[in-house]
PDB file of N, CA and C in Angstrom:
ATOM      1  N   MET A   1     -67.465 207.837 180.318  1.00  0.00           N
ATOM      2  CA  MET A   1     -68.224 206.862 180.297  1.00  0.00           C
ATOM      3  C   MET A   1     -68.084 206.004 178.851  1.00  0.00           C
ATOM      4  N   PRO A   2     -68.133 204.650 178.824  1.00  0.00           N
ATOM      5  CA  PRO A   2     -67.665 204.125 177.377  1.00  0.00           C
ATOM      6  C   PRO A   2     -68.726 204.248 176.683  1.00  0.00           C
ATOM      7  N   SER A   3     -68.598 204.472 175.365  1.00  0.00           N
ATOM      8  CA  SER A   3     -69.300 204.419 174.326  1.00  0.00           C
ATOM      9  C   SER A   3     -70.152 203.106 174.283  1.00  0.00           C
ATOM     10  N   THR A   4     -71.579 203.010 174.003  1.00  0.00           N
ATOM     11  CA  THR A   4     -72.139 201.931 173.742  1.00  0.00           C
ATOM     12  C   THR A   4     -71.985 201.088 172.457  1.00  0.00           C
ATOM     13  N   PRO A   5     -71.566 200.185 172.412  1.00  0.00           N
ATOM     14  CA  PRO A   5     -71.293 199.499 170.931  1.00  0.00           C
ATOM     15  C   PRO A   5     -72.501 199.090 170.444  1.00  0.00           C
ATOM     16  N   GLN A   6     -72.774 199.100 168.766  1.00  0.00           N
ATOM     17  CA  GLN A   6     -74.012 198.581 168.066  1.00  0.00           C
ATOM     18  C   GLN A   6     -73.910 197.236 168.036  1.00  0.00           C
ATOM     19  N   VAL A   7     -74.756 196.298 168.411  1.00  0.00           N
ATOM     20  CA  VAL A   7     -74.815 194.927 168.575  1.00  0.00           C
ATOM     21  C   VAL A   7     -76.210 194.389 168.008  1.00  0.00           C
ATOM     22  N   SER A   8     -75.966 193.356 167.033  1.00  0.00           N
ATOM     23  CA  SER A   8     -77.356 192.961 166.552  1.00  0.00           C
ATOM     24  C   SER A   8     -77.937 191.898 167.756  1.00  0.00           C
ATOM     25  N   GLY A   9     -79.145 191.571 167.370  1.00  0.00           N
ATOM     26  CA  GLY A   9     -79.834 190.453 168.399  1.00  0.00           C
ATOM     27  C   GLY A   9     -78.880 189.065 168.353  1.00  0.00           C
ATOM     28  N   LYS A  10     -78.424 188.802 167.292  1.00  0.00           N
ATOM     29  CA  LYS A  10     -77.789 187.393 167.246  1.00  0.00           C
ATOM     30  C   LYS A  10     -76.385 187.531 167.860  1.00  0.00           C
ATOM     31  N   GLU A  11     -75.856 188.616 167.746  1.00  0.00           N
ATOM     32  CA  GLU A  11     -74.373 188.818 168.019  1.00  0.00           C
ATOM     33  C   GLU A  11     -74.676 189.106 169.874  1.00  0.00           C
ATOM     34  N   LEU A  12     -75.607 189.428 170.291  1.00  0.00           N
ATOM     35  CA  LEU A  12     -75.770 189.709 171.731  1.00  0.00           C
ATOM     36  C   LEU A  12     -76.337 188.374 172.222  1.00  0.00           C
ATOM     37  N   VAL A  13     -77.136 187.639 171.635  1.00  0.00           N
ATOM     38  CA  VAL A  13     -77.403 186.196 172.123  1.00  0.00           C
ATOM     39  C   VAL A  13     -76.080 185.342 172.257  1.00  0.00           C
ATOM     40  N   LYS A  14     -75.338 185.379 171.145  1.00  0.00           N
ATOM     41  CA  LYS A  14     -74.225 184.758 171.458  1.00  0.00           C
ATOM     42  C   LYS A  14     -73.139 184.967 172.436  1.00  0.00           C
ATOM     43  N   ALA A  15     -72.889 186.283 172.978  1.00  0.00           N
ATOM     44  CA  ALA A  15     -72.269 186.797 173.783  1.00  0.00           C
ATOM     45  C   ALA A  15     -72.783 186.462 175.264  1.00  0.00           C
ATOM     46  N   LEU A  16     -74.143 186.574 175.384  1.00  0.00           N
ATOM     47  CA  LEU A  16     -74.825 186.162 176.475  1.00  0.00           C
ATOM     48  C   LEU A  16     -74.763 184.707 176.913  1.00  0.00           C
ATOM     49  N   GLY A  17     -74.475 183.986 175.822  1.00  0.00           N
ATOM     50  CA  GLY A  17     -74.374 182.553 175.887  1.00  0.00           C
ATOM     51  C   GLY A  17     -73.075 182.165 176.525  1.00  0.00           C
ATOM     52  N   LYS A  18     -72.036 182.876 176.641  1.00  0.00           N
ATOM     53  CA  LYS A  18     -70.727 182.667 177.142  1.00  0.00           C
ATOM     54  C   LYS A  18     -70.812 182.934 178.748  1.00  0.00           C
ATOM     55  N   ILE A  19     -71.678 183.463 179.043  1.00  0.00           N
ATOM     56  CA  ILE A  19     -71.850 183.641 180.598  1.00  0.00           C
ATOM     57  C   ILE A  19     -72.894 182.783 181.260  1.00  0.00           C
ATOM     58  N   GLY A  20     -73.587 181.822 180.235  1.00  0.00           N
ATOM     59  CA  GLY A  20     -74.595 181.009 180.883  1.00  0.00           C
ATOM     60  C   GLY A  20     -75.963 181.037 180.479  1.00  0.00           C
ATOM     61  N   PHE A  21     -76.362 182.148 179.570  1.00  0.00           N
ATOM     62  CA  PHE A  21     -77.699 182.093 179.166  1.00  0.00           C
ATOM     63  C   PHE A  21     -77.861 181.235 178.095  1.00  0.00           C
ATOM     64  N   GLN A  22     -79.144 180.560 178.076  1.00  0.00           N
ATOM     65  CA  GLN A  22     -79.529 179.691 176.950  1.00  0.00           C
ATOM     66  C   GLN A  22     -80.940 180.058 176.268  1.00  0.00           C
ATOM     67  N   VAL A  23     -81.055 179.907 175.124  1.00  0.00           N
ATOM     68  CA  VAL A  23     -82.177 180.185 174.257  1.00  0.00           C
ATOM     69  C   VAL A  23     -83.183 179.279 174.757  1.00  0.00           C
ATOM     70  N   VAL A  24     -84.493 179.831 175.258  1.00  0.00           N
ATOM     71  CA  VAL A  24     -85.689 179.100 175.772  1.00  0.00           C
ATOM     72  C   VAL A  24     -86.552 178.906 174.578  1.00  0.00           C
ATOM     73  N   ARG A  25     -86.842 179.953 174.080  1.00  0.00           N
ATOM     74  CA  ARG A  25     -87.909 179.914 172.879  1.00  0.00           C
ATOM     75  C   ARG A  25     -87.912 181.169 172.202  1.00  0.00           C
ATOM     76  N   GLN A  26     -88.467 181.415 171.045  1.00  0.00           N
ATOM     77  CA  GLN A  26     -88.488 182.330 170.149  1.00  0.00           C
ATOM     78  C   GLN A  26     -89.779 182.514 169.436  1.00  0.00           C
ATOM     79  N   LYS A  27     -90.355 183.659 169.590  1.00  0.00           N
ATOM     80  CA  LYS A  27     -91.630 184.051 169.050  1.00  0.00           C
ATOM     81  C   LYS A  27     -91.577 185.254 168.162  1.00  0.00           C
ATOM     82  N   GLY A  28     -91.392 185.054 166.756  1.00  0.00           N
ATOM     83  CA  GLY A  28     -91.220 186.131 166.006  1.00  0.00           C
ATOM     84  C   GLY A  28     -89.878 186.731 166.177  1.00  0.00           C
ATOM     85  N   SER A  29     -89.666 188.001 166.373  1.00  0.00           N
ATOM     86  CA  SER A  29     -88.510 188.696 166.582  1.00  0.00           C
ATOM     87  C   SER A  29     -87.919 188.593 167.896  1.00  0.00           C
ATOM     88  N   HIS A  30     -88.506 188.117 168.819  1.00  0.00           N
ATOM     89  CA  HIS A  30     -88.348 188.002 170.193  1.00  0.00           C
ATOM     90  C   HIS A  30     -87.844 186.706 170.783  1.00  0.00           C
ATOM     91  N   ILE A  31     -86.471 186.976 171.413  1.00  0.00           N
ATOM     92  CA  ILE A  31     -85.868 185.673 171.487  1.00  0.00           C
ATOM     93  C   ILE A  31     -85.751 185.626 173.222  1.00  0.00           C
ATOM     94  N   ARG A  32     -86.127 184.569 173.758  1.00  0.00           N
ATOM     95  CA  ARG A  32     -86.289 184.527 175.350  1.00  0.00           C
ATOM     96  C   ARG A  32     -85.023 183.837 176.034  1.00  0.00           C
ATOM     97  N   LEU A  33     -84.159 184.094 176.710  1.00  0.00           N
ATOM     98  CA  LEU A  33     -83.018 183.684 177.253  1.00  0.00           C
ATOM     99  C   LEU A  33     -83.311 183.280 178.774  1.00  0.00           C
ATOM    100  N   LEU A  34     -82.487 182.370 179.104  1.00  0.00           N
ATOM    101  CA  LEU A  34     -82.703 181.973 180.567  1.00  0.00           C
ATOM    102  C   LEU A  34     -81.293 181.383 180.996  1.00  0.00           C
ATOM    103  N   ARG A  35     -81.053 181.926 182.442  1.00  0.00           N
ATOM    104  CA  ARG A  35     -79.942 181.381 183.252  1.00  0.00           C
ATOM    105  C   ARG A  35     -80.235 181.245 184.639  1.00  0.00           C
ATOM    106  N   ILE A  36     -79.868 180.194 185.155  1.00  0.00           N
ATOM    107  CA  ILE A  36     -80.025 179.859 186.575  1.00  0.00           C
ATOM    108  C   ILE A  36     -78.747 180.016 187.091  1.00  0.00           C
ATOM    109  N   THR A  37     -78.490 180.855 188.218  1.00  0.00           N
ATOM    110  CA  THR A  37     -77.567 181.208 189.130  1.00  0.00           C
ATOM    111  C   THR A  37     -77.880 181.166 190.424  1.00  0.00           C
ATOM    112  N   ASP A  38     -77.127 180.438 191.384  1.00  0.00           N
ATOM    113  CA  ASP A  38     -77.423 180.276 192.746  1.00  0.00           C
ATOM    114  C   ASP A  38     -78.807 180.286 193.048  1.00  0.00           C
ATOM    115  N   GLY A  39     -79.514 179.466 192.492  1.00  0.00           N
ATOM    116  CA  GLY A  39     -80.725 178.975 192.562  1.00  0.00           C
ATOM    117  C   GLY A  39     -81.916 179.889 192.111  1.00  0.00           C
ATOM    118  N   GLN A  40     -81.515 181.111 191.415  1.00  0.00           N
ATOM    119  CA  GLN A  40     -82.227 181.986 190.781  1.00  0.00           C
ATOM    120  C   GLN A  40     -82.383 181.999 189.411  1.00  0.00           C
ATOM    121  N   LYS A  41     -83.415 182.225 188.925  1.00  0.00           N
ATOM    122  CA  LYS A  41     -83.495 182.130 187.195  1.00  0.00           C
ATOM    123  C   LYS A  41     -83.576 183.594 186.910  1.00  0.00           C
ATOM    124  N   GLN A  42     -82.966 183.896 185.985  1.00  0.00           N
ATOM    125  CA  GLN A  42     -82.886 185.319 185.048  1.00  0.00           C
ATOM    126  C   GLN A  42     -83.328 185.217 183.896  1.00  0.00           C
ATOM    127  N   VAL A  43     -84.139 185.957 183.369  1.00  0.00           N
ATOM    128  CA  VAL A  43     -85.058 185.672 182.232  1.00  0.00           C
ATOM    129  C   VAL A  43     -84.612 186.916 181.539  1.00  0.00           C
ATOM    130  N   LEU A  44     -84.489 187.027 180.190  1.00  0.00           N
ATOM    131  CA  LEU A  44     -84.183 188.240 179.517  1.00  0.00           C
ATOM    132  C   LEU A  44     -85.154 187.826 177.981  1.00  0.00           C
ATOM    133  N   THR A  45     -85.677 188.814 177.715  1.00  0.00           N
ATOM    134  CA  THR A  45     -86.185 189.000 176.172  1.00  0.00           C
ATOM    135  C   THR A  45     -85.392 189.840 175.147  1.00  0.00           C
ATOM    136  N   ILE A  46     -84.959 189.386 174.289  1.00  0.00           N
ATOM    137  CA  ILE A  46     -84.240 190.103 173.217  1.00  0.00           C
ATOM    138  C   ILE A  46     -84.786 190.440 172.173  1.00  0.00           C
ATOM    139  N   THR A  47     -84.870 191.294 171.424  1.00  0.00           N
ATOM    140  CA  THR A  47     -85.284 191.653 170.006  1.00  0.00           C
ATOM    141  C   THR A  47     -84.129 191.084 169.138  1.00  0.00           C
ATOM    142  N   ASN A  48     -84.680 190.471 168.091  1.00  0.00           N
ATOM    143  CA  ASN A  48     -83.671 189.958 166.960  1.00  0.00           C
ATOM    144  C   ASN A  48     -83.670 190.936 165.602  1.00  0.00           C
ATOM    145  N   HIS A  49     -82.927 192.433 166.171  1.00  0.00           N
ATOM    146  CA  HIS A  49     -83.058 193.538 165.223  1.00  0.00           C
ATOM    147  C   HIS A  49     -81.730 193.343 164.774  1.00  0.00           C
ATOM    148  N   LYS A  50     -81.352 193.906 163.667  1.00  0.00           N
ATOM    149  CA  LYS A  50     -79.957 194.267 163.346  1.00  0.00           C
ATOM    150  C   LYS A  50     -79.221 195.183 164.016  1.00  0.00           C
ATOM    151  N   ILE A  51     -79.754 196.127 164.751  1.00  0.00           N
ATOM    152  CA  ILE A  51     -79.119 197.085 165.600  1.00  0.00           C
ATOM    153  C   ILE A  51     -80.124 197.186 167.025  1.00  0.00           C
ATOM    154  N   ILE A  52     -79.612 196.743 168.228  1.00  0.00           N
ATOM    155  CA  ILE A  52     -80.513 196.883 169.282  1.00  0.00           C
ATOM    156  C   ILE A  52     -80.198 198.321 169.574  1.00  0.00           C
ATOM    157  N   ARG A  53     -81.325 199.160 169.999  1.00  0.00           N
ATOM    158  CA  ARG A  53     -81.206 200.490 170.402  1.00  0.00           C
ATOM    159  C   ARG A  53     -80.309 200.589 171.956  1.00  0.00           C
ATOM    160  N   LYS A  54     -79.593 201.701 171.981  1.00  0.00           N
ATOM    161  CA  LYS A  54     -79.003 201.890 173.109  1.00  0.00           C
ATOM    162  C   LYS A  54     -79.682 201.762 174.435  1.00  0.00           C
ATOM    163  N   GLY A  55     -80.949 202.513 174.658  1.00  0.00           N
ATOM    164  CA  GLY A  55     -81.625 202.464 175.804  1.00  0.00           C
ATOM    165  C   GLY A  55     -81.993 200.919 176.112  1.00  0.00           C
ATOM    166  N   THR A  56     -82.380 200.137 175.074  1.00  0.00           N
ATOM    167  CA  THR A  56     -83.018 199.136 175.221  1.00  0.00           C
ATOM    168  C   THR A  56     -81.649 197.952 175.890  1.00  0.00           C
ATOM    169  N   LEU A  57     -80.632 198.146 175.353  1.00  0.00           N
ATOM    170  CA  LEU A  57     -79.361 197.163 175.546  1.00  0.00           C
ATOM    171  C   LEU A  57     -79.184 197.809 177.066  1.00  0.00           C
ATOM    172  N   LEU A  58     -78.950 198.979 177.403  1.00  0.00           N
ATOM    173  CA  LEU A  58     -78.409 199.527 178.631  1.00  0.00           C
ATOM    174  C   LEU A  58     -79.505 199.070 179.951  1.00  0.00           C
ATOM    175  N   ASN A  59     -80.944 199.745 179.547  1.00  0.00           N
ATOM    176  CA  ASN A  59     -81.794 199.405 180.653  1.00  0.00           C
ATOM    177  C   ASN A  59     -82.601 198.340 180.605  1.00  0.00           C
ATOM    178  N   GLY A  60     -82.691 197.669 179.529  1.00  0.00           N
ATOM    179  CA  GLY A  60     -83.660 196.452 179.384  1.00  0.00           C
ATOM    180  C   GLY A  60     -82.947 195.271 179.405  1.00  0.00           C
ATOM    181  N   ILE A  61     -81.717 195.195 179.247  1.00  0.00           N
ATOM    182  CA  ILE A  61     -81.081 193.975 179.079  1.00  0.00           C
ATOM    183  C   ILE A  61     -79.570 193.824 180.127  1.00  0.00           C
ATOM    184  N   LEU A  62     -79.204 194.767 179.885  1.00  0.00           N
ATOM    185  CA  LEU A  62     -77.744 194.846 181.047  1.00  0.00           C
ATOM    186  C   LEU A  62     -77.943 195.105 182.268  1.00  0.00           C
ATOM    187  N   LYS A  63     -78.821 196.056 182.706  1.00  0.00           N
ATOM    188  CA  LYS A  63     -79.185 196.684 183.867  1.00  0.00           C
ATOM    189  C   LYS A  63     -80.028 195.470 184.701  1.00  0.00           C
ATOM    190  N   PRO A  64     -80.924 194.706 184.343  1.00  0.00           N
ATOM    191  CA  PRO A  64     -81.467 193.619 185.258  1.00  0.00           C
ATOM    192  C   PRO A  64     -80.551 192.702 185.561  1.00  0.00           C
ATOM    193  N   ILE A  65     -79.559 192.111 184.707  1.00  0.00           N
ATOM    194  CA  ILE A  65     -78.747 191.156 184.993  1.00  0.00           C
ATOM    195  C   ILE A  65     -77.221 191.497 185.636  1.00  0.00           C
ATOM    196  N   ASN A  66     -77.478 193.048 185.741  1.00  0.00           N
ATOM    197  CA  ASN A  66     -75.885 193.396 186.532  1.00  0.00           C
ATOM    198  C   ASN A  66     -74.891 193.297 185.764  1.00  0.00           C
ATOM    199  N   LEU A  67     -74.962 193.490 184.347  1.00  0.00           N
ATOM    200  CA  LEU A  67     -73.546 193.340 183.572  1.00  0.00           C
ATOM    201  C   LEU A  67     -73.063 194.568 183.192  1.00  0.00           C
ATOM    202  N   LYS A  68     -71.996 195.119 183.530  1.00  0.00           N
ATOM    203  CA  LYS A  68     -71.586 196.318 183.014  1.00  0.00           C
ATOM    204  C   LYS A  68     -71.343 196.397 181.521  1.00  0.00           C
ATOM    205  N   LEU A  69     -71.039 197.657 180.849  1.00  0.00           N
ATOM    206  CA  LEU A  69     -70.727 197.720 179.544  1.00  0.00           C
ATOM    207  C   LEU A  69     -69.410 197.113 179.090  1.00  0.00           C
ATOM    208  N   ASP A  70     -68.493 197.340 179.911  1.00  0.00           N
ATOM    209  CA  ASP A  70     -67.103 196.900 179.810  1.00  0.00           C
ATOM    210  C   ASP A  70     -67.127 195.402 179.652  1.00  0.00           C
ATOM    211  N   GLU A  71     -67.776 194.636 180.378  1.00  0.00           N
ATOM    212  CA  GLU A  71     -67.968 193.302 180.542  1.00  0.00           C
ATOM    213  C   GLU A  71     -68.510 192.679 179.154  1.00  0.00           C
ATOM    214  N   LEU A  72     -69.516 193.618 178.678  1.00  0.00           N
ATOM    215  CA  LEU A  72     -70.137 193.160 177.729  1.00  0.00           C
ATOM    216  C   LEU A  72     -69.501 193.050 176.172  1.00  0.00           C
ATOM    217  N   LYS A  73     -68.429 194.395 176.101  1.00  0.00           N
ATOM    218  CA  LYS A  73     -67.681 194.507 175.360  1.00  0.00           C
ATOM    219  C   LYS A  73     -66.401 193.408 175.210  1.00  0.00           C
ATOM    220  N   LYS A  74     -66.002 192.823 176.369  1.00  0.00           N
ATOM    221  CA  LYS A  74     -65.114 191.724 176.313  1.00  0.00           C
ATOM    222  C   LYS A  74     -65.819 190.268 175.816  1.00  0.00           C
ATOM    223  N   LEU A  75     -67.153 190.363 176.034  1.00  0.00           N
ATOM    224  CA  LEU A  75     -67.809 189.168 175.647  1.00  0.00           C
ATOM    225  C   LEU A  75     -68.018 188.989 173.955  1.00  0.00           C
ATOM    226  N   LEU A  76     -68.215 190.143 173.560  1.00  0.00           N
ATOM    227  CA  LEU A  76     -68.513 190.545 171.977  1.00  0.00           C
ATOM    228  C   LEU A  76     -67.084 190.036 171.356  1.00  0.00           C
TER     229      LEU A  76
END
């Protein structure tokens, strides 16, 4: 299993922007992203922290949008 990269909220927003996610709004340290693919909305909420926790990255961000860890590393 590949190791999980340590990534900040800003880096993650920039990387996900490469696959079509756009910042919709920000309230405090939470950034909301939106992408419309095949007529379906995908909404993510990312915390703007220096380092996003491993579980949050894997289960809360990558899993709902079906993005593999290797694909994320290429985007970074």
